[in-house]
Structures are given as structure tokens and as C-alpha cells.
Amino acid sequence: MPAPGTSHTTSAATCLIKIANWDGKSQDIKQVLTAAFDAVDYLDCIKNLRARNVDPLSYINSLDRVGSSPILWGTLDLRFDDRSLTDLKPTQIYESDAYER
């Protein structure tokens, strides 16, 4: 039994695999996403999905399905409270990639 005040941390890789394999129906996707984003190793895992046995295309497609699913409507707004998607601007790297082709 863990001591009070400590939490069990899940590897982001485990969560990313679950996200990539999401069937579009499971209601626990909110908890899986939260665990992935909060994982200490999230940034390391997301940098190289293939090294973590996560198919990048499946992961991206699942995120797209999650984003359009009513399961999460209103949930991510609370997580990213005051950030508006309309305020996002392309980075310098993105601009050069997009316009130099």
C-alpha cells in the first residue's frame, strides 16, 4: 500500500500505446490522456514514438478521434483554461518549413 501523499506514476509510453490503440468507445480515455500528459517522461516519449513501440500515425489518428469525440468536450478546456486556439501562431521553424517548399 503506498504511503499517504504519494502517487503511483505511469510511464507515458504505456499511456501513448493505449491512446494509439483507442477503440473510440472506451470512456477511460480521459484518464489515459491525463496520465500521459502528466507523466514525467512524456516529453522523452513523444520525441520518439517508434522507440516506445507506438505507431506515430495511429497515435495522431487517435488524438484526432479523441478531439472530435463528445467524451472529452469541455474536459480539455478546463485543463488548458485560458489558452485560446485562435491565439496560436506558427513558430519560426514552421513558417520556414511551410513557405520554403
N, C-alpha and C. Protein backbone atom coordinates (compact mmCIF):
# COMPACT_ATOMS: atom_id res chain seq x y z
N MET A 1 0.85 -1.17 0.00
CA MET A 1 0.00 0.00 0.00
C MET A 1 0.90 1.24 0.00
N PRO A 2 0.70 2.18 -0.92
CA PRO A 2 1.54 3.38 -0.95
C PRO A 2 1.27 4.26 0.26
N ALA A 3 2.29 4.98 0.63
CA ALA A 3 2.17 5.91 1.76
C ALA A 3 1.27 7.07 1.37
N PRO A 4 0.52 7.64 2.34
CA PRO A 4 -0.32 8.79 2.01
C PRO A 4 0.50 9.92 1.41
N GLY A 5 -0.07 10.57 0.42
CA GLY A 5 0.60 11.70 -0.20
C GLY A 5 1.46 11.32 -1.38
N THR A 6 1.70 10.03 -1.58
CA THR A 6 2.48 9.62 -2.75
C THR A 6 1.52 9.15 -3.82
N SER A 7 1.93 9.25 -5.03
CA SER A 7 1.07 8.80 -6.12
C SER A 7 1.81 7.81 -6.98
N HIS A 8 1.06 6.92 -7.54
CA HIS A 8 1.62 5.94 -8.47
C HIS A 8 1.73 6.61 -9.83
N THR A 9 2.92 6.66 -10.39
CA THR A 9 3.09 7.29 -11.69
C THR A 9 3.14 6.23 -12.77
N THR A 10 2.54 6.54 -13.86
CA THR A 10 2.50 5.65 -15.02
C THR A 10 3.45 6.20 -16.06
N SER A 11 4.14 5.30 -16.73
CA SER A 11 5.01 5.72 -17.82
C SER A 11 4.15 6.28 -18.95
N ALA A 12 4.63 7.34 -19.54
CA ALA A 12 3.91 7.93 -20.67
C ALA A 12 3.82 6.93 -21.82
N ALA A 13 4.83 6.11 -21.99
CA ALA A 13 4.82 5.13 -23.08
C ALA A 13 3.62 4.20 -22.97
N THR A 14 3.30 3.75 -21.78
CA THR A 14 2.14 2.89 -21.57
C THR A 14 0.87 3.60 -22.00
N CYS A 15 0.75 4.85 -21.62
CA CYS A 15 -0.43 5.64 -21.98
C CYS A 15 -0.49 5.91 -23.48
N LEU A 16 0.64 6.23 -24.08
CA LEU A 16 0.67 6.53 -25.51
C LEU A 16 0.25 5.32 -26.33
N ILE A 17 0.64 4.14 -25.89
CA ILE A 17 0.24 2.91 -26.57
C ILE A 17 -1.28 2.75 -26.47
N LYS A 18 -1.83 3.00 -25.29
CA LYS A 18 -3.29 2.91 -25.10
C LYS A 18 -4.01 3.93 -25.97
N ILE A 19 -3.45 5.12 -26.08
CA ILE A 19 -4.07 6.16 -26.92
C ILE A 19 -4.04 5.73 -28.38
N ALA A 20 -2.89 5.24 -28.84
CA ALA A 20 -2.75 4.82 -30.24
C ALA A 20 -3.71 3.68 -30.57
N ASN A 21 -4.03 2.85 -29.59
CA ASN A 21 -4.91 1.71 -29.81
C ASN A 21 -6.35 1.95 -29.35
N TRP A 22 -6.70 3.20 -29.06
CA TRP A 22 -8.03 3.52 -28.56
C TRP A 22 -9.11 3.11 -29.56
N ASP A 23 -10.12 2.44 -29.07
CA ASP A 23 -11.18 1.93 -29.94
C ASP A 23 -12.27 2.96 -30.26
N GLY A 24 -12.16 4.15 -29.69
CA GLY A 24 -13.13 5.19 -29.94
C GLY A 24 -14.33 5.12 -29.03
N LYS A 25 -14.39 4.11 -28.18
CA LYS A 25 -15.55 3.92 -27.32
C LYS A 25 -15.22 3.99 -25.83
N SER A 26 -14.06 3.54 -25.47
CA SER A 26 -13.70 3.43 -24.06
C SER A 26 -13.74 4.78 -23.36
N GLN A 27 -14.47 4.84 -22.27
CA GLN A 27 -14.64 6.08 -21.52
C GLN A 27 -13.41 6.46 -20.71
N ASP A 28 -12.47 5.55 -20.52
CA ASP A 28 -11.30 5.86 -19.69
C ASP A 28 -10.24 6.66 -20.43
N ILE A 29 -10.52 7.07 -21.66
CA ILE A 29 -9.52 7.81 -22.44
C ILE A 29 -9.15 9.12 -21.77
N LYS A 30 -10.08 9.74 -21.03
CA LYS A 30 -9.76 10.98 -20.31
C LYS A 30 -8.66 10.74 -19.29
N GLN A 31 -8.77 9.65 -18.55
CA GLN A 31 -7.76 9.33 -17.54
C GLN A 31 -6.43 8.96 -18.19
N VAL A 32 -6.51 8.27 -19.32
CA VAL A 32 -5.28 7.88 -20.03
C VAL A 32 -4.56 9.12 -20.56
N LEU A 33 -5.30 10.04 -21.14
CA LEU A 33 -4.69 11.28 -21.64
C LEU A 33 -4.08 12.09 -20.50
N THR A 34 -4.80 12.20 -19.41
CA THR A 34 -4.30 12.96 -18.26
C THR A 34 -3.02 12.32 -17.72
N ALA A 35 -3.03 11.01 -17.61
CA ALA A 35 -1.84 10.31 -17.11
C ALA A 35 -0.66 10.50 -18.05
N ALA A 36 -0.92 10.45 -19.36
CA ALA A 36 0.16 10.63 -20.34
C ALA A 36 0.75 12.03 -20.24
N PHE A 37 -0.12 13.05 -20.23
CA PHE A 37 0.35 14.43 -20.21
C PHE A 37 1.06 14.77 -18.90
N ASP A 38 0.66 14.13 -17.81
CA ASP A 38 1.26 14.40 -16.51
C ASP A 38 2.50 13.56 -16.22
N ALA A 39 2.75 12.56 -17.05
CA ALA A 39 3.89 11.67 -16.81
C ALA A 39 5.21 12.43 -16.92
N VAL A 40 6.12 12.10 -16.05
CA VAL A 40 7.43 12.76 -16.02
C VAL A 40 8.19 12.52 -17.33
N ASP A 41 8.00 11.37 -17.93
CA ASP A 41 8.74 11.02 -19.15
C ASP A 41 7.98 11.33 -20.44
N TYR A 42 6.90 12.11 -20.36
CA TYR A 42 6.07 12.39 -21.54
C TYR A 42 6.89 13.00 -22.68
N LEU A 43 7.66 14.03 -22.40
CA LEU A 43 8.41 14.70 -23.47
C LEU A 43 9.42 13.78 -24.11
N ASP A 44 10.08 12.94 -23.31
CA ASP A 44 11.03 11.99 -23.89
C ASP A 44 10.32 10.97 -24.78
N CYS A 45 9.17 10.51 -24.34
CA CYS A 45 8.42 9.52 -25.11
C CYS A 45 7.87 10.09 -26.41
N ILE A 46 7.34 11.29 -26.35
CA ILE A 46 6.70 11.87 -27.53
C ILE A 46 7.73 12.22 -28.62
N LYS A 47 8.97 12.42 -28.23
CA LYS A 47 10.02 12.75 -29.19
C LYS A 47 10.32 11.59 -30.13
N ASN A 48 10.18 10.37 -29.64
CA ASN A 48 10.46 9.21 -30.48
C ASN A 48 9.47 8.10 -30.17
N LEU A 49 8.31 8.21 -30.78
CA LEU A 49 7.24 7.24 -30.53
C LEU A 49 7.64 5.83 -30.95
N ARG A 50 8.31 5.72 -32.07
CA ARG A 50 8.69 4.38 -32.57
C ARG A 50 9.59 3.64 -31.57
N ALA A 51 10.47 4.35 -30.90
CA ALA A 51 11.34 3.72 -29.91
C ALA A 51 10.54 3.19 -28.72
N ARG A 52 9.33 3.71 -28.55
CA ARG A 52 8.46 3.28 -27.44
C ARG A 52 7.39 2.31 -27.94
N ASN A 53 7.56 1.79 -29.16
CA ASN A 53 6.61 0.86 -29.78
C ASN A 53 5.23 1.47 -29.97
N VAL A 54 5.21 2.76 -30.31
CA VAL A 54 3.96 3.46 -30.60
C VAL A 54 4.01 3.87 -32.06
N ASP A 55 3.01 3.44 -32.82
CA ASP A 55 2.93 3.84 -34.22
C ASP A 55 2.50 5.29 -34.28
N PRO A 56 3.36 6.19 -34.79
CA PRO A 56 3.03 7.62 -34.81
C PRO A 56 1.71 7.94 -35.51
N LEU A 57 1.44 7.31 -36.64
CA LEU A 57 0.21 7.59 -37.37
C LEU A 57 -1.02 7.16 -36.57
N SER A 58 -0.95 6.02 -35.94
CA SER A 58 -2.07 5.55 -35.11
C SER A 58 -2.29 6.49 -33.93
N TYR A 59 -1.20 6.97 -33.34
CA TYR A 59 -1.30 7.90 -32.22
C TYR A 59 -1.98 9.20 -32.65
N ILE A 60 -1.54 9.75 -33.77
CA ILE A 60 -2.10 11.01 -34.28
C ILE A 60 -3.57 10.82 -34.66
N ASN A 61 -3.88 9.72 -35.34
CA ASN A 61 -5.27 9.45 -35.72
C ASN A 61 -6.16 9.31 -34.49
N SER A 62 -5.66 8.66 -33.46
CA SER A 62 -6.44 8.51 -32.24
C SER A 62 -6.65 9.84 -31.55
N LEU A 63 -5.63 10.68 -31.53
CA LEU A 63 -5.80 12.01 -30.95
C LEU A 63 -6.86 12.80 -31.71
N ASP A 64 -6.87 12.64 -33.02
CA ASP A 64 -7.87 13.31 -33.84
C ASP A 64 -9.27 12.81 -33.49
N ARG A 65 -9.41 11.49 -33.34
CA ARG A 65 -10.71 10.92 -32.96
C ARG A 65 -11.12 11.36 -31.56
N VAL A 66 -10.16 11.42 -30.64
CA VAL A 66 -10.46 11.86 -29.28
C VAL A 66 -10.94 13.31 -29.31
N GLY A 67 -10.27 14.15 -30.10
CA GLY A 67 -10.62 15.56 -30.17
C GLY A 67 -12.01 15.80 -30.73
N SER A 68 -12.49 14.91 -31.57
CA SER A 68 -13.82 15.08 -32.16
C SER A 68 -14.89 14.27 -31.42
N SER A 69 -14.49 13.59 -30.37
CA SER A 69 -15.41 12.75 -29.61
C SER A 69 -16.10 13.54 -28.50
N PRO A 70 -17.39 13.33 -28.32
CA PRO A 70 -18.10 14.03 -27.24
C PRO A 70 -17.64 13.60 -25.85
N ILE A 71 -16.85 12.55 -25.76
CA ILE A 71 -16.34 12.09 -24.47
C ILE A 71 -15.54 13.18 -23.78
N LEU A 72 -14.79 13.95 -24.54
CA LEU A 72 -13.90 14.95 -23.94
C LEU A 72 -14.41 16.38 -24.01
N TRP A 73 -15.52 16.63 -24.64
CA TRP A 73 -15.99 18.01 -24.78
C TRP A 73 -16.08 18.66 -23.42
N GLY A 74 -15.40 19.78 -23.27
CA GLY A 74 -15.40 20.51 -22.01
C GLY A 74 -14.28 20.11 -21.09
N THR A 75 -13.71 18.92 -21.25
CA THR A 75 -12.67 18.46 -20.34
C THR A 75 -11.35 19.18 -20.60
N LEU A 76 -10.93 19.25 -21.85
CA LEU A 76 -9.64 19.87 -22.16
C LEU A 76 -9.68 21.38 -21.95
N ASP A 77 -10.86 21.98 -22.08
CA ASP A 77 -10.98 23.41 -21.83
C ASP A 77 -10.55 23.74 -20.41
N LEU A 78 -10.89 22.89 -19.47
CA LEU A 78 -10.51 23.11 -18.08
C LEU A 78 -9.01 22.93 -17.89
N ARG A 79 -8.44 21.98 -18.61
CA ARG A 79 -7.02 21.68 -18.46
C ARG A 79 -6.15 22.81 -19.01
N PHE A 80 -6.58 23.42 -20.09
CA PHE A 80 -5.80 24.47 -20.75
C PHE A 80 -6.50 25.82 -20.64
N ASP A 81 -7.19 26.02 -19.57
CA ASP A 81 -8.11 27.10 -19.27
C ASP A 81 -8.03 28.36 -20.11
N ASP A 82 -7.01 29.18 -19.99
CA ASP A 82 -7.06 30.48 -20.65
C ASP A 82 -6.33 30.52 -21.99
N ARG A 83 -5.91 29.41 -22.50
CA ARG A 83 -5.23 29.40 -23.79
C ARG A 83 -6.25 29.21 -24.90
N SER A 84 -6.26 30.12 -25.81
CA SER A 84 -7.20 30.04 -26.92
C SER A 84 -6.48 29.50 -28.15
N LEU A 85 -7.12 28.57 -28.83
CA LEU A 85 -6.52 28.01 -30.03
C LEU A 85 -6.36 29.07 -31.12
N THR A 86 -7.17 30.09 -31.07
CA THR A 86 -7.05 31.14 -32.09
C THR A 86 -5.84 32.03 -31.84
N ASP A 87 -5.25 31.94 -30.66
CA ASP A 87 -4.08 32.76 -30.36
C ASP A 87 -2.78 32.10 -30.77
N LEU A 88 -2.84 30.85 -31.23
CA LEU A 88 -1.63 30.14 -31.60
C LEU A 88 -1.07 30.73 -32.88
N LYS A 89 0.23 30.91 -32.90
CA LYS A 89 0.90 31.43 -34.08
C LYS A 89 1.99 30.44 -34.48
N PRO A 90 2.26 30.30 -35.76
CA PRO A 90 3.30 29.36 -36.17
C PRO A 90 4.67 29.81 -35.66
N THR A 91 5.46 28.82 -35.33
CA THR A 91 6.83 29.13 -34.90
C THR A 91 7.67 29.48 -36.12
N GLN A 92 8.82 30.03 -35.89
CA GLN A 92 9.73 30.38 -36.98
C GLN A 92 10.07 29.14 -37.79
N ILE A 93 10.30 28.02 -37.12
CA ILE A 93 10.64 26.78 -37.82
C ILE A 93 9.48 26.38 -38.73
N TYR A 94 8.26 26.44 -38.21
CA TYR A 94 7.10 26.06 -39.00
C TYR A 94 6.95 26.98 -40.21
N GLU A 95 7.11 28.27 -40.00
CA GLU A 95 6.98 29.21 -41.12
C GLU A 95 7.98 28.90 -42.21
N SER A 96 9.23 28.63 -41.84
CA SER A 96 10.23 28.35 -42.87
C SER A 96 9.94 27.02 -43.56
N ASP A 97 9.45 26.03 -42.82
CA ASP A 97 9.10 24.76 -43.45
C ASP A 97 7.94 24.93 -44.41
N ALA A 98 6.96 25.70 -44.01
CA ALA A 98 5.75 25.83 -44.81
C ALA A 98 5.98 26.66 -46.07
N TYR A 99 6.83 27.64 -46.01
CA TYR A 99 6.96 28.55 -47.13
C TYR A 99 8.17 28.29 -48.02
N GLU A 100 9.06 27.39 -47.63
CA GLU A 100 10.25 27.15 -48.45
C GLU A 100 10.07 26.00 -49.41
N ARG A 101 8.91 25.35 -49.38
CA ARG A 101 8.72 24.19 -50.26
C ARG A 101 8.32 24.59 -51.64
